mmCIF file of all heavy atoms, coordinates in Angstrom:
data_MODEL
# 
_entry.id   MODEL 
# 
loop_
_atom_site.group_PDB 
_atom_site.id 
_atom_site.type_symbol 
_atom_site.label_atom_id 
_atom_site.label_alt_id 
_atom_site.label_comp_id 
_atom_site.label_asym_id 
_atom_site.label_entity_id 
_atom_site.label_seq_id 
_atom_site.pdbx_PDB_ins_code 
_atom_site.Cartn_x 
_atom_site.Cartn_y 
_atom_site.Cartn_z 
_atom_site.occupancy 
_atom_site.B_iso_or_equiv 
_atom_site.pdbx_formal_charge 
_atom_site.auth_seq_id 
_atom_site.auth_comp_id 
_atom_site.auth_asym_id 
_atom_site.auth_atom_id 
_atom_site.pdbx_PDB_model_num 
ATOM 1   N N   . PHE A 1 1  ? -19.240 -289.807 254.572 1.00 0.00 ? 1  PHE A N   1 
ATOM 2   C CA  . PHE A 1 1  ? -20.365 -290.105 255.452 1.00 0.00 ? 1  PHE A CA  1 
ATOM 3   C C   . PHE A 1 1  ? -21.013 -291.447 255.127 1.00 0.00 ? 1  PHE A C   1 
ATOM 4   O O   . PHE A 1 1  ? -21.724 -292.007 255.957 1.00 0.00 ? 1  PHE A O   1 
ATOM 5   C CB  . PHE A 1 1  ? -21.393 -288.971 255.405 1.00 0.00 ? 1  PHE A CB  1 
ATOM 6   C CG  . PHE A 1 1  ? -21.023 -287.810 256.278 1.00 0.00 ? 1  PHE A CG  1 
ATOM 7   C CD1 . PHE A 1 1  ? -20.147 -286.835 255.824 1.00 0.00 ? 1  PHE A CD1 1 
ATOM 8   C CD2 . PHE A 1 1  ? -21.522 -287.695 257.565 1.00 0.00 ? 1  PHE A CD2 1 
ATOM 9   C CE1 . PHE A 1 1  ? -19.777 -285.772 256.634 1.00 0.00 ? 1  PHE A CE1 1 
ATOM 10  C CE2 . PHE A 1 1  ? -21.166 -286.638 258.387 1.00 0.00 ? 1  PHE A CE2 1 
ATOM 11  C CZ  . PHE A 1 1  ? -20.286 -285.670 257.924 1.00 0.00 ? 1  PHE A CZ  1 
ATOM 12  N N   . ASP A 1 2  ? -20.736 -291.976 253.941 1.00 0.00 ? 2  ASP A N   1 
ATOM 13  C CA  . ASP A 1 2  ? -21.270 -293.295 253.578 1.00 0.00 ? 2  ASP A CA  1 
ATOM 14  C C   . ASP A 1 2  ? -20.510 -294.411 254.290 1.00 0.00 ? 2  ASP A C   1 
ATOM 15  O O   . ASP A 1 2  ? -20.921 -295.575 254.231 1.00 0.00 ? 2  ASP A O   1 
ATOM 16  C CB  . ASP A 1 2  ? -21.189 -293.481 252.055 1.00 0.00 ? 2  ASP A CB  1 
ATOM 17  C CG  . ASP A 1 2  ? -22.028 -294.658 251.568 1.00 0.00 ? 2  ASP A CG  1 
ATOM 18  O OD1 . ASP A 1 2  ? -23.125 -294.880 252.119 1.00 0.00 ? 2  ASP A OD1 1 
ATOM 19  O OD2 . ASP A 1 2  ? -21.595 -295.354 250.638 1.00 0.00 ? 2  ASP A OD2 1 
ATOM 20  N N   . LEU A 1 3  ? -19.419 -294.078 254.987 1.00 0.00 ? 3  LEU A N   1 
ATOM 21  C CA  . LEU A 1 3  ? -18.719 -295.082 255.787 1.00 0.00 ? 3  LEU A CA  1 
ATOM 22  C C   . LEU A 1 3  ? -19.605 -295.561 256.933 1.00 0.00 ? 3  LEU A C   1 
ATOM 23  O O   . LEU A 1 3  ? -19.416 -296.657 257.453 1.00 0.00 ? 3  LEU A O   1 
ATOM 24  C CB  . LEU A 1 3  ? -17.418 -294.492 256.351 1.00 0.00 ? 3  LEU A CB  1 
ATOM 25  C CG  . LEU A 1 3  ? -16.320 -294.186 255.328 1.00 0.00 ? 3  LEU A CG  1 
ATOM 26  C CD1 . LEU A 1 3  ? -15.168 -293.452 255.983 1.00 0.00 ? 3  LEU A CD1 1 
ATOM 27  C CD2 . LEU A 1 3  ? -15.823 -295.470 254.685 1.00 0.00 ? 3  LEU A CD2 1 
ATOM 28  N N   . VAL A 1 4  ? -20.567 -294.731 257.331 1.00 0.00 ? 4  VAL A N   1 
ATOM 29  C CA  . VAL A 1 4  ? -21.553 -295.131 258.341 1.00 0.00 ? 4  VAL A CA  1 
ATOM 30  C C   . VAL A 1 4  ? -22.765 -295.689 257.610 1.00 0.00 ? 4  VAL A C   1 
ATOM 31  O O   . VAL A 1 4  ? -23.333 -295.022 256.744 1.00 0.00 ? 4  VAL A O   1 
ATOM 32  C CB  . VAL A 1 4  ? -21.965 -293.932 259.216 1.00 0.00 ? 4  VAL A CB  1 
ATOM 33  C CG1 . VAL A 1 4  ? -23.041 -294.345 260.218 1.00 0.00 ? 4  VAL A CG1 1 
ATOM 34  C CG2 . VAL A 1 4  ? -20.749 -293.367 259.942 1.00 0.00 ? 4  VAL A CG2 1 
ATOM 35  N N   . PRO A 1 5  ? -23.193 -296.910 257.918 1.00 0.00 ? 5  PRO A N   1 
ATOM 36  C CA  . PRO A 1 5  ? -24.333 -297.518 257.201 1.00 0.00 ? 5  PRO A CA  1 
ATOM 37  C C   . PRO A 1 5  ? -25.605 -296.695 257.335 1.00 0.00 ? 5  PRO A C   1 
ATOM 38  O O   . PRO A 1 5  ? -25.848 -296.070 258.358 1.00 0.00 ? 5  PRO A O   1 
ATOM 39  C CB  . PRO A 1 5  ? -24.504 -298.877 257.896 1.00 0.00 ? 5  PRO A CB  1 
ATOM 40  C CG  . PRO A 1 5  ? -23.173 -299.156 258.500 1.00 0.00 ? 5  PRO A CG  1 
ATOM 41  C CD  . PRO A 1 5  ? -22.608 -297.837 258.901 1.00 0.00 ? 5  PRO A CD  1 
ATOM 42  N N   . GLY A 1 6  ? -26.419 -296.697 256.276 1.00 0.00 ? 6  GLY A N   1 
ATOM 43  C CA  . GLY A 1 6  ? -27.735 -296.064 256.335 1.00 0.00 ? 6  GLY A CA  1 
ATOM 44  C C   . GLY A 1 6  ? -27.813 -294.673 255.741 1.00 0.00 ? 6  GLY A C   1 
ATOM 45  O O   . GLY A 1 6  ? -28.830 -293.997 255.902 1.00 0.00 ? 6  GLY A O   1 
ATOM 46  N N   . LEU A 1 7  ? -26.774 -294.208 255.030 1.00 0.00 ? 7  LEU A N   1 
ATOM 47  C CA  . LEU A 1 7  ? -26.818 -292.876 254.431 1.00 0.00 ? 7  LEU A CA  1 
ATOM 48  C C   . LEU A 1 7  ? -27.894 -292.827 253.351 1.00 0.00 ? 7  LEU A C   1 
ATOM 49  O O   . LEU A 1 7  ? -27.904 -293.643 252.431 1.00 0.00 ? 7  LEU A O   1 
ATOM 50  C CB  . LEU A 1 7  ? -25.458 -292.514 253.824 1.00 0.00 ? 7  LEU A CB  1 
ATOM 51  C CG  . LEU A 1 7  ? -25.362 -291.129 253.176 1.00 0.00 ? 7  LEU A CG  1 
ATOM 52  C CD1 . LEU A 1 7  ? -25.573 -290.022 254.205 1.00 0.00 ? 7  LEU A CD1 1 
ATOM 53  C CD2 . LEU A 1 7  ? -24.010 -290.952 252.491 1.00 0.00 ? 7  LEU A CD2 1 
ATOM 54  N N   . GLU A 1 8  ? -28.824 -291.872 253.471 1.00 0.00 ? 8  GLU A N   1 
ATOM 55  C CA  . GLU A 1 8  ? -29.904 -291.734 252.494 1.00 0.00 ? 8  GLU A CA  1 
ATOM 56  C C   . GLU A 1 8  ? -29.598 -290.657 251.464 1.00 0.00 ? 8  GLU A C   1 
ATOM 57  O O   . GLU A 1 8  ? -29.841 -290.841 250.283 1.00 0.00 ? 8  GLU A O   1 
ATOM 58  C CB  . GLU A 1 8  ? -31.225 -291.432 253.204 1.00 0.00 ? 8  GLU A CB  1 
ATOM 59  C CG  . GLU A 1 8  ? -31.753 -292.615 254.011 1.00 0.00 ? 8  GLU A CG  1 
ATOM 60  C CD  . GLU A 1 8  ? -33.148 -292.384 254.542 1.00 0.00 ? 8  GLU A CD  1 
ATOM 61  O OE1 . GLU A 1 8  ? -33.536 -291.201 254.740 1.00 0.00 ? 8  GLU A OE1 1 
ATOM 62  O OE2 . GLU A 1 8  ? -33.870 -293.368 254.765 1.00 0.00 ? 8  GLU A OE2 1 
ATOM 63  N N   . TYR A 1 9  ? -29.107 -289.512 251.902 1.00 0.00 ? 9  TYR A N   1 
ATOM 64  C CA  . TYR A 1 9  ? -28.693 -288.503 250.927 1.00 0.00 ? 9  TYR A CA  1 
ATOM 65  C C   . TYR A 1 9  ? -27.707 -287.524 251.537 1.00 0.00 ? 9  TYR A C   1 
ATOM 66  O O   . TYR A 1 9  ? -27.587 -287.376 252.748 1.00 0.00 ? 9  TYR A O   1 
ATOM 67  C CB  . TYR A 1 9  ? -29.893 -287.754 250.336 1.00 0.00 ? 9  TYR A CB  1 
ATOM 68  C CG  . TYR A 1 9  ? -30.607 -286.795 251.267 1.00 0.00 ? 9  TYR A CG  1 
ATOM 69  C CD1 . TYR A 1 9  ? -30.081 -285.538 251.562 1.00 0.00 ? 9  TYR A CD1 1 
ATOM 70  C CD2 . TYR A 1 9  ? -31.840 -287.116 251.820 1.00 0.00 ? 9  TYR A CD2 1 
ATOM 71  C CE1 . TYR A 1 9  ? -30.742 -284.646 252.382 1.00 0.00 ? 9  TYR A CE1 1 
ATOM 72  C CE2 . TYR A 1 9  ? -32.517 -286.238 252.643 1.00 0.00 ? 9  TYR A CE2 1 
ATOM 73  C CZ  . TYR A 1 9  ? -31.965 -285.006 252.924 1.00 0.00 ? 9  TYR A CZ  1 
ATOM 74  O OH  . TYR A 1 9  ? -32.619 -284.125 253.749 1.00 0.00 ? 9  TYR A OH  1 
ATOM 75  N N   . CYS A 1 10 ? -26.963 -286.870 250.644 1.00 0.00 ? 10 CYS A N   1 
ATOM 76  C CA  . CYS A 1 10 ? -25.960 -285.869 251.015 1.00 0.00 ? 10 CYS A CA  1 
ATOM 77  C C   . CYS A 1 10 ? -26.135 -284.694 250.065 1.00 0.00 ? 10 CYS A C   1 
ATOM 78  O O   . CYS A 1 10 ? -25.904 -284.826 248.863 1.00 0.00 ? 10 CYS A O   1 
ATOM 79  C CB  . CYS A 1 10 ? -24.551 -286.466 250.909 1.00 0.00 ? 10 CYS A CB  1 
ATOM 80  S SG  . CYS A 1 10 ? -23.212 -285.265 251.043 1.00 0.00 ? 10 CYS A SG  1 
ATOM 81  N N   . ASP A 1 11 ? -26.571 -283.564 250.585 1.00 0.00 ? 11 ASP A N   1 
ATOM 82  C CA  . ASP A 1 11 ? -26.849 -282.389 249.770 1.00 0.00 ? 11 ASP A CA  1 
ATOM 83  C C   . ASP A 1 11 ? -25.827 -281.302 250.094 1.00 0.00 ? 11 ASP A C   1 
ATOM 84  O O   . ASP A 1 11 ? -25.864 -280.704 251.174 1.00 0.00 ? 11 ASP A O   1 
ATOM 85  C CB  . ASP A 1 11 ? -28.275 -281.895 250.041 1.00 0.00 ? 11 ASP A CB  1 
ATOM 86  C CG  . ASP A 1 11 ? -28.635 -280.688 249.187 1.00 0.00 ? 11 ASP A CG  1 
ATOM 87  O OD1 . ASP A 1 11 ? -27.993 -280.495 248.132 1.00 0.00 ? 11 ASP A OD1 1 
ATOM 88  O OD2 . ASP A 1 11 ? -29.544 -279.925 249.570 1.00 0.00 ? 11 ASP A OD2 1 
ATOM 89  N N   . VAL A 1 12 ? -24.909 -281.052 249.178 1.00 0.00 ? 12 VAL A N   1 
ATOM 90  C CA  . VAL A 1 12 ? -23.846 -280.068 249.392 1.00 0.00 ? 12 VAL A CA  1 
ATOM 91  C C   . VAL A 1 12 ? -24.263 -278.708 248.836 1.00 0.00 ? 12 VAL A C   1 
ATOM 92  O O   . VAL A 1 12 ? -24.769 -278.612 247.721 1.00 0.00 ? 12 VAL A O   1 
ATOM 93  C CB  . VAL A 1 12 ? -22.535 -280.527 248.724 1.00 0.00 ? 12 VAL A CB  1 
ATOM 94  C CG1 . VAL A 1 12 ? -21.497 -279.409 248.729 1.00 0.00 ? 12 VAL A CG1 1 
ATOM 95  C CG2 . VAL A 1 12 ? -21.989 -281.750 249.437 1.00 0.00 ? 12 VAL A CG2 1 
ATOM 96  N N   . GLN A 1 13 ? -24.053 -277.669 249.645 1.00 0.00 ? 13 GLN A N   1 
ATOM 97  C CA  . GLN A 1 13 ? -24.364 -276.301 249.221 1.00 0.00 ? 13 GLN A CA  1 
ATOM 98  C C   . GLN A 1 13 ? -23.137 -275.431 249.453 1.00 0.00 ? 13 GLN A C   1 
ATOM 99  O O   . GLN A 1 13 ? -22.237 -275.797 250.198 1.00 0.00 ? 13 GLN A O   1 
ATOM 100 C CB  . GLN A 1 13 ? -25.567 -275.767 249.999 1.00 0.00 ? 13 GLN A CB  1 
ATOM 101 C CG  . GLN A 1 13 ? -26.823 -276.611 249.840 1.00 0.00 ? 13 GLN A CG  1 
ATOM 102 C CD  . GLN A 1 13 ? -27.935 -276.158 250.761 1.00 0.00 ? 13 GLN A CD  1 
ATOM 103 O OE1 . GLN A 1 13 ? -27.869 -275.083 251.341 1.00 0.00 ? 13 GLN A OE1 1 
ATOM 104 N NE2 . GLN A 1 13 ? -28.958 -276.985 250.896 1.00 0.00 ? 13 GLN A NE2 1 
ATOM 105 N N   . ARG A 1 14 ? -23.110 -274.282 248.813 1.00 0.00 ? 14 ARG A N   1 
ATOM 106 C CA  . ARG A 1 14 ? -21.967 -273.385 248.962 1.00 0.00 ? 14 ARG A CA  1 
ATOM 107 C C   . ARG A 1 14 ? -22.444 -271.944 249.091 1.00 0.00 ? 14 ARG A C   1 
ATOM 108 O O   . ARG A 1 14 ? -23.320 -271.509 248.343 1.00 0.00 ? 14 ARG A O   1 
ATOM 109 C CB  . ARG A 1 14 ? -21.019 -273.523 247.769 1.00 0.00 ? 14 ARG A CB  1 
ATOM 110 C CG  . ARG A 1 14 ? -19.789 -272.612 247.848 1.00 0.00 ? 14 ARG A CG  1 
ATOM 111 C CD  . ARG A 1 14 ? -18.861 -272.793 246.672 1.00 0.00 ? 14 ARG A CD  1 
ATOM 112 N NE  . ARG A 1 14 ? -18.334 -274.152 246.585 1.00 0.00 ? 14 ARG A NE  1 
ATOM 113 C CZ  . ARG A 1 14 ? -17.454 -274.522 245.669 1.00 0.00 ? 14 ARG A CZ  1 
ATOM 114 N NH1 . ARG A 1 14 ? -17.027 -273.661 244.766 1.00 0.00 ? 14 ARG A NH1 1 
ATOM 115 N NH2 . ARG A 1 14 ? -17.019 -275.760 245.646 1.00 0.00 ? 14 ARG A NH2 1 
ATOM 116 N N   . ASP A 1 15 ? -21.852 -271.239 250.055 1.00 0.00 ? 15 ASP A N   1 
ATOM 117 C CA  . ASP A 1 15 ? -22.165 -269.821 250.241 1.00 0.00 ? 15 ASP A CA  1 
ATOM 118 C C   . ASP A 1 15 ? -21.296 -269.012 249.279 1.00 0.00 ? 15 ASP A C   1 
ATOM 119 O O   . ASP A 1 15 ? -20.075 -268.993 249.421 1.00 0.00 ? 15 ASP A O   1 
ATOM 120 C CB  . ASP A 1 15 ? -21.879 -269.417 251.691 1.00 0.00 ? 15 ASP A CB  1 
ATOM 121 C CG  . ASP A 1 15 ? -22.333 -267.987 251.991 1.00 0.00 ? 15 ASP A CG  1 
ATOM 122 O OD1 . ASP A 1 15 ? -22.356 -267.172 251.051 1.00 0.00 ? 15 ASP A OD1 1 
ATOM 123 O OD2 . ASP A 1 15 ? -22.658 -267.697 253.150 1.00 0.00 ? 15 ASP A OD2 1 
ATOM 124 N N   . PRO A 1 16 ? -21.898 -268.344 248.276 1.00 0.00 ? 16 PRO A N   1 
ATOM 125 C CA  . PRO A 1 16 ? -21.100 -267.616 247.284 1.00 0.00 ? 16 PRO A CA  1 
ATOM 126 C C   . PRO A 1 16 ? -20.333 -266.439 247.871 1.00 0.00 ? 16 PRO A C   1 
ATOM 127 O O   . PRO A 1 16 ? -19.368 -265.956 247.284 1.00 0.00 ? 16 PRO A O   1 
ATOM 128 C CB  . PRO A 1 16 ? -22.153 -267.136 246.267 1.00 0.00 ? 16 PRO A CB  1 
ATOM 129 C CG  . PRO A 1 16 ? -23.429 -267.082 247.056 1.00 0.00 ? 16 PRO A CG  1 
ATOM 130 C CD  . PRO A 1 16 ? -23.344 -268.203 248.045 1.00 0.00 ? 16 PRO A CD  1 
ATOM 131 N N   . HIS A 1 17 ? -20.755 -265.968 249.063 1.00 0.00 ? 17 HIS A N   1 
ATOM 132 C CA  . HIS A 1 17 ? -20.091 -264.806 249.662 1.00 0.00 ? 17 HIS A CA  1 
ATOM 133 C C   . HIS A 1 17 ? -18.878 -265.198 250.493 1.00 0.00 ? 17 HIS A C   1 
ATOM 134 O O   . HIS A 1 17 ? -17.879 -264.478 250.534 1.00 0.00 ? 17 HIS A O   1 
ATOM 135 C CB  . HIS A 1 17 ? -21.093 -264.030 250.526 1.00 0.00 ? 17 HIS A CB  1 
ATOM 136 C CG  . HIS A 1 17 ? -22.309 -263.576 249.766 1.00 0.00 ? 17 HIS A CG  1 
ATOM 137 N ND1 . HIS A 1 17 ? -22.259 -262.608 248.778 1.00 0.00 ? 17 HIS A ND1 1 
ATOM 138 C CD2 . HIS A 1 17 ? -23.604 -263.983 249.828 1.00 0.00 ? 17 HIS A CD2 1 
ATOM 139 C CE1 . HIS A 1 17 ? -23.467 -262.425 248.275 1.00 0.00 ? 17 HIS A CE1 1 
ATOM 140 N NE2 . HIS A 1 17 ? -24.308 -263.249 248.891 1.00 0.00 ? 17 HIS A NE2 1 
ATOM 141 N N   . THR A 1 18 ? -18.942 -266.316 251.170 1.00 0.00 ? 18 THR A N   1 
ATOM 142 C CA  . THR A 1 18 ? -17.847 -266.725 252.051 1.00 0.00 ? 18 THR A CA  1 
ATOM 143 C C   . THR A 1 18 ? -17.033 -267.887 251.494 1.00 0.00 ? 18 THR A C   1 
ATOM 144 O O   . THR A 1 18 ? -15.941 -268.170 251.965 1.00 0.00 ? 18 THR A O   1 
ATOM 145 C CB  . THR A 1 18 ? -18.391 -267.140 253.432 1.00 0.00 ? 18 THR A CB  1 
ATOM 146 O OG1 . THR A 1 18 ? -19.226 -268.299 253.265 1.00 0.00 ? 18 THR A OG1 1 
ATOM 147 C CG2 . THR A 1 18 ? -19.214 -266.023 254.045 1.00 0.00 ? 18 THR A CG2 1 
ATOM 148 N N   . ASN A 1 19 ? -17.583 -268.604 250.497 1.00 0.00 ? 19 ASN A N   1 
ATOM 149 C CA  . ASN A 1 19 ? -16.936 -269.783 249.911 1.00 0.00 ? 19 ASN A CA  1 
ATOM 150 C C   . ASN A 1 19 ? -16.771 -270.919 250.923 1.00 0.00 ? 19 ASN A C   1 
ATOM 151 O O   . ASN A 1 19 ? -15.960 -271.815 250.738 1.00 0.00 ? 19 ASN A O   1 
ATOM 152 C CB  . ASN A 1 19 ? -15.566 -269.428 249.322 1.00 0.00 ? 19 ASN A CB  1 
ATOM 153 C CG  . ASN A 1 19 ? -15.153 -270.429 248.242 1.00 0.00 ? 19 ASN A CG  1 
ATOM 154 O OD1 . ASN A 1 19 ? -15.980 -270.882 247.461 1.00 0.00 ? 19 ASN A OD1 1 
ATOM 155 N ND2 . ASN A 1 19 ? -13.867 -270.756 248.191 1.00 0.00 ? 19 ASN A ND2 1 
ATOM 156 N N   . SER A 1 20 ? -17.533 -270.859 252.013 1.00 0.00 ? 20 SER A N   1 
ATOM 157 C CA  . SER A 1 20 ? -17.456 -271.932 252.999 1.00 0.00 ? 20 SER A CA  1 
ATOM 158 C C   . SER A 1 20 ? -18.309 -273.109 252.545 1.00 0.00 ? 20 SER A C   1 
ATOM 159 O O   . SER A 1 20 ? -19.103 -273.003 251.613 1.00 0.00 ? 20 SER A O   1 
ATOM 160 C CB  . SER A 1 20 ? -17.937 -271.432 254.365 1.00 0.00 ? 20 SER A CB  1 
ATOM 161 O OG  . SER A 1 20 ? -19.268 -270.952 254.271 1.00 0.00 ? 20 SER A OG  1 
ATOM 162 N N   . GLY A 1 21 ? -18.132 -274.237 253.203 1.00 0.00 ? 21 GLY A N   1 
ATOM 163 C CA  . GLY A 1 21 ? -18.877 -275.433 252.839 1.00 0.00 ? 21 GLY A CA  1 
ATOM 164 C C   . GLY A 1 21 ? -20.044 -275.677 253.769 1.00 0.00 ? 21 GLY A C   1 
ATOM 165 O O   . GLY A 1 21 ? -19.948 -275.465 254.982 1.00 0.00 ? 21 GLY A O   1 
ATOM 166 N N   . TYR A 1 22 ? -21.150 -276.137 253.205 1.00 0.00 ? 22 TYR A N   1 
ATOM 167 C CA  . TYR A 1 22 ? -22.322 -276.487 254.012 1.00 0.00 ? 22 TYR A CA  1 
ATOM 168 C C   . TYR A 1 22 ? -23.017 -277.669 253.345 1.00 0.00 ? 22 TYR A C   1 
ATOM 169 O O   . TYR A 1 22 ? -23.150 -277.714 252.123 1.00 0.00 ? 22 TYR A O   1 
ATOM 170 C CB  . TYR A 1 22 ? -23.292 -275.308 254.113 1.00 0.00 ? 22 TYR A CB  1 
ATOM 171 C CG  . TYR A 1 22 ? -24.557 -275.648 254.869 1.00 0.00 ? 22 TYR A CG  1 
ATOM 172 C CD1 . TYR A 1 22 ? -24.554 -275.730 256.262 1.00 0.00 ? 22 TYR A CD1 1 
ATOM 173 C CD2 . TYR A 1 22 ? -25.748 -275.913 254.198 1.00 0.00 ? 22 TYR A CD2 1 
ATOM 174 C CE1 . TYR A 1 22 ? -25.709 -276.060 256.958 1.00 0.00 ? 22 TYR A CE1 1 
ATOM 175 C CE2 . TYR A 1 22 ? -26.901 -276.242 254.892 1.00 0.00 ? 22 TYR A CE2 1 
ATOM 176 C CZ  . TYR A 1 22 ? -26.876 -276.315 256.273 1.00 0.00 ? 22 TYR A CZ  1 
ATOM 177 O OH  . TYR A 1 22 ? -28.008 -276.646 256.962 1.00 0.00 ? 22 TYR A OH  1 
ATOM 178 N N   . ALA A 1 23 ? -23.439 -278.635 254.154 1.00 0.00 ? 23 ALA A N   1 
ATOM 179 C CA  . ALA A 1 23 ? -24.122 -279.801 253.605 1.00 0.00 ? 23 ALA A CA  1 
ATOM 180 C C   . ALA A 1 23 ? -25.149 -280.318 254.594 1.00 0.00 ? 23 ALA A C   1 
ATOM 181 O O   . ALA A 1 23 ? -25.023 -280.140 255.806 1.00 0.00 ? 23 ALA A O   1 
ATOM 182 C CB  . ALA A 1 23 ? -23.124 -280.910 253.270 1.00 0.00 ? 23 ALA A CB  1 
ATOM 183 N N   . VAL A 1 24 ? -26.193 -280.951 254.057 1.00 0.00 ? 24 VAL A N   1 
ATOM 184 C CA  . VAL A 1 24 ? -27.201 -281.618 254.873 1.00 0.00 ? 24 VAL A CA  1 
ATOM 185 C C   . VAL A 1 24 ? -27.088 -283.120 254.601 1.00 0.00 ? 24 VAL A C   1 
ATOM 186 O O   . VAL A 1 24 ? -27.096 -283.553 253.449 1.00 0.00 ? 24 VAL A O   1 
ATOM 187 C CB  . VAL A 1 24 ? -28.622 -281.125 254.536 1.00 0.00 ? 24 VAL A CB  1 
ATOM 188 C CG1 . VAL A 1 24 ? -29.662 -281.936 255.305 1.00 0.00 ? 24 VAL A CG1 1 
ATOM 189 C CG2 . VAL A 1 24 ? -28.758 -279.646 254.856 1.00 0.00 ? 24 VAL A CG2 1 
ATOM 190 N N   . ILE A 1 25 ? -26.949 -283.880 255.665 1.00 0.00 ? 25 ILE A N   1 
ATOM 191 C CA  . ILE A 1 25 ? -26.787 -285.330 255.588 1.00 0.00 ? 25 ILE A CA  1 
ATOM 192 C C   . ILE A 1 25 ? -27.999 -285.980 256.249 1.00 0.00 ? 25 ILE A C   1 
ATOM 193 O O   . ILE A 1 25 ? -28.414 -285.545 257.324 1.00 0.00 ? 25 ILE A O   1 
ATOM 194 C CB  . ILE A 1 25 ? -25.517 -285.792 256.323 1.00 0.00 ? 25 ILE A CB  1 
ATOM 195 C CG1 . ILE A 1 25 ? -24.280 -285.036 255.818 1.00 0.00 ? 25 ILE A CG1 1 
ATOM 196 C CG2 . ILE A 1 25 ? -25.353 -287.303 256.211 1.00 0.00 ? 25 ILE A CG2 1 
ATOM 197 C CD1 . ILE A 1 25 ? -23.816 -285.405 254.453 1.00 0.00 ? 25 ILE A CD1 1 
ATOM 198 N N   . GLN A 1 26 ? -28.555 -287.019 255.638 1.00 0.00 ? 26 GLN A N   1 
ATOM 199 C CA  . GLN A 1 26 ? -29.651 -287.735 256.289 1.00 0.00 ? 26 GLN A CA  1 
ATOM 200 C C   . GLN A 1 26 ? -29.402 -289.238 256.253 1.00 0.00 ? 26 GLN A C   1 
ATOM 201 O O   . GLN A 1 26 ? -29.002 -289.795 255.231 1.00 0.00 ? 26 GLN A O   1 
ATOM 202 C CB  . GLN A 1 26 ? -31.000 -287.431 255.643 1.00 0.00 ? 26 GLN A CB  1 
ATOM 203 C CG  . GLN A 1 26 ? -32.157 -288.178 256.329 1.00 0.00 ? 26 GLN A CG  1 
ATOM 204 C CD  . GLN A 1 26 ? -33.512 -287.566 256.031 1.00 0.00 ? 26 GLN A CD  1 
ATOM 205 O OE1 . GLN A 1 26 ? -33.695 -286.352 256.135 1.00 0.00 ? 26 GLN A OE1 1 
ATOM 206 N NE2 . GLN A 1 26 ? -34.463 -288.392 255.654 1.00 0.00 ? 26 GLN A NE2 1 
ATOM 207 N N   . TYR A 1 27 ? -29.659 -289.884 257.403 1.00 0.00 ? 27 TYR A N   1 
ATOM 208 C CA  . TYR A 1 27 ? -29.535 -291.330 257.528 1.00 0.00 ? 27 TYR A CA  1 
ATOM 209 C C   . TYR A 1 27 ? -30.911 -291.968 257.698 1.00 0.00 ? 27 TYR A C   1 
ATOM 210 O O   . TYR A 1 27 ? -31.893 -291.284 257.996 1.00 0.00 ? 27 TYR A O   1 
ATOM 211 C CB  . TYR A 1 27 ? -28.644 -291.694 258.722 1.00 0.00 ? 27 TYR A CB  1 
ATOM 212 C CG  . TYR A 1 27 ? -27.187 -291.396 258.495 1.00 0.00 ? 27 TYR A CG  1 
ATOM 213 C CD1 . TYR A 1 27 ? -26.637 -290.186 258.912 1.00 0.00 ? 27 TYR A CD1 1 
ATOM 214 C CD2 . TYR A 1 27 ? -26.349 -292.301 257.855 1.00 0.00 ? 27 TYR A CD2 1 
ATOM 215 C CE1 . TYR A 1 27 ? -25.293 -289.896 258.687 1.00 0.00 ? 27 TYR A CE1 1 
ATOM 216 C CE2 . TYR A 1 27 ? -25.014 -292.027 257.631 1.00 0.00 ? 27 TYR A CE2 1 
ATOM 217 C CZ  . TYR A 1 27 ? -24.488 -290.816 258.052 1.00 0.00 ? 27 TYR A CZ  1 
ATOM 218 O OH  . TYR A 1 27 ? -23.168 -290.535 257.822 1.00 0.00 ? 27 TYR A OH  1 
ATOM 219 N N   . SER A 1 28 ? -30.965 -293.279 257.539 1.00 0.00 ? 28 SER A N   1 
ATOM 220 C CA  . SER A 1 28 ? -32.235 -293.994 257.660 1.00 0.00 ? 28 SER A CA  1 
ATOM 221 C C   . SER A 1 28 ? -32.672 -294.137 259.110 1.00 0.00 ? 28 SER A C   1 
ATOM 222 O O   . SER A 1 28 ? -33.849 -294.345 259.382 1.00 0.00 ? 28 SER A O   1 
ATOM 223 C CB  . SER A 1 28 ? -32.129 -295.380 257.011 1.00 0.00 ? 28 SER A CB  1 
ATOM 224 O OG  . SER A 1 28 ? -31.077 -296.128 257.612 1.00 0.00 ? 28 SER A OG  1 
# 
């Protein structure tokens, strides 16, 4: 996601029950 200019943060989370991926991305 940093390939797009203006990335402020990337917060990766994981569901322990499903093992799926989830993340919150924020740009400027």
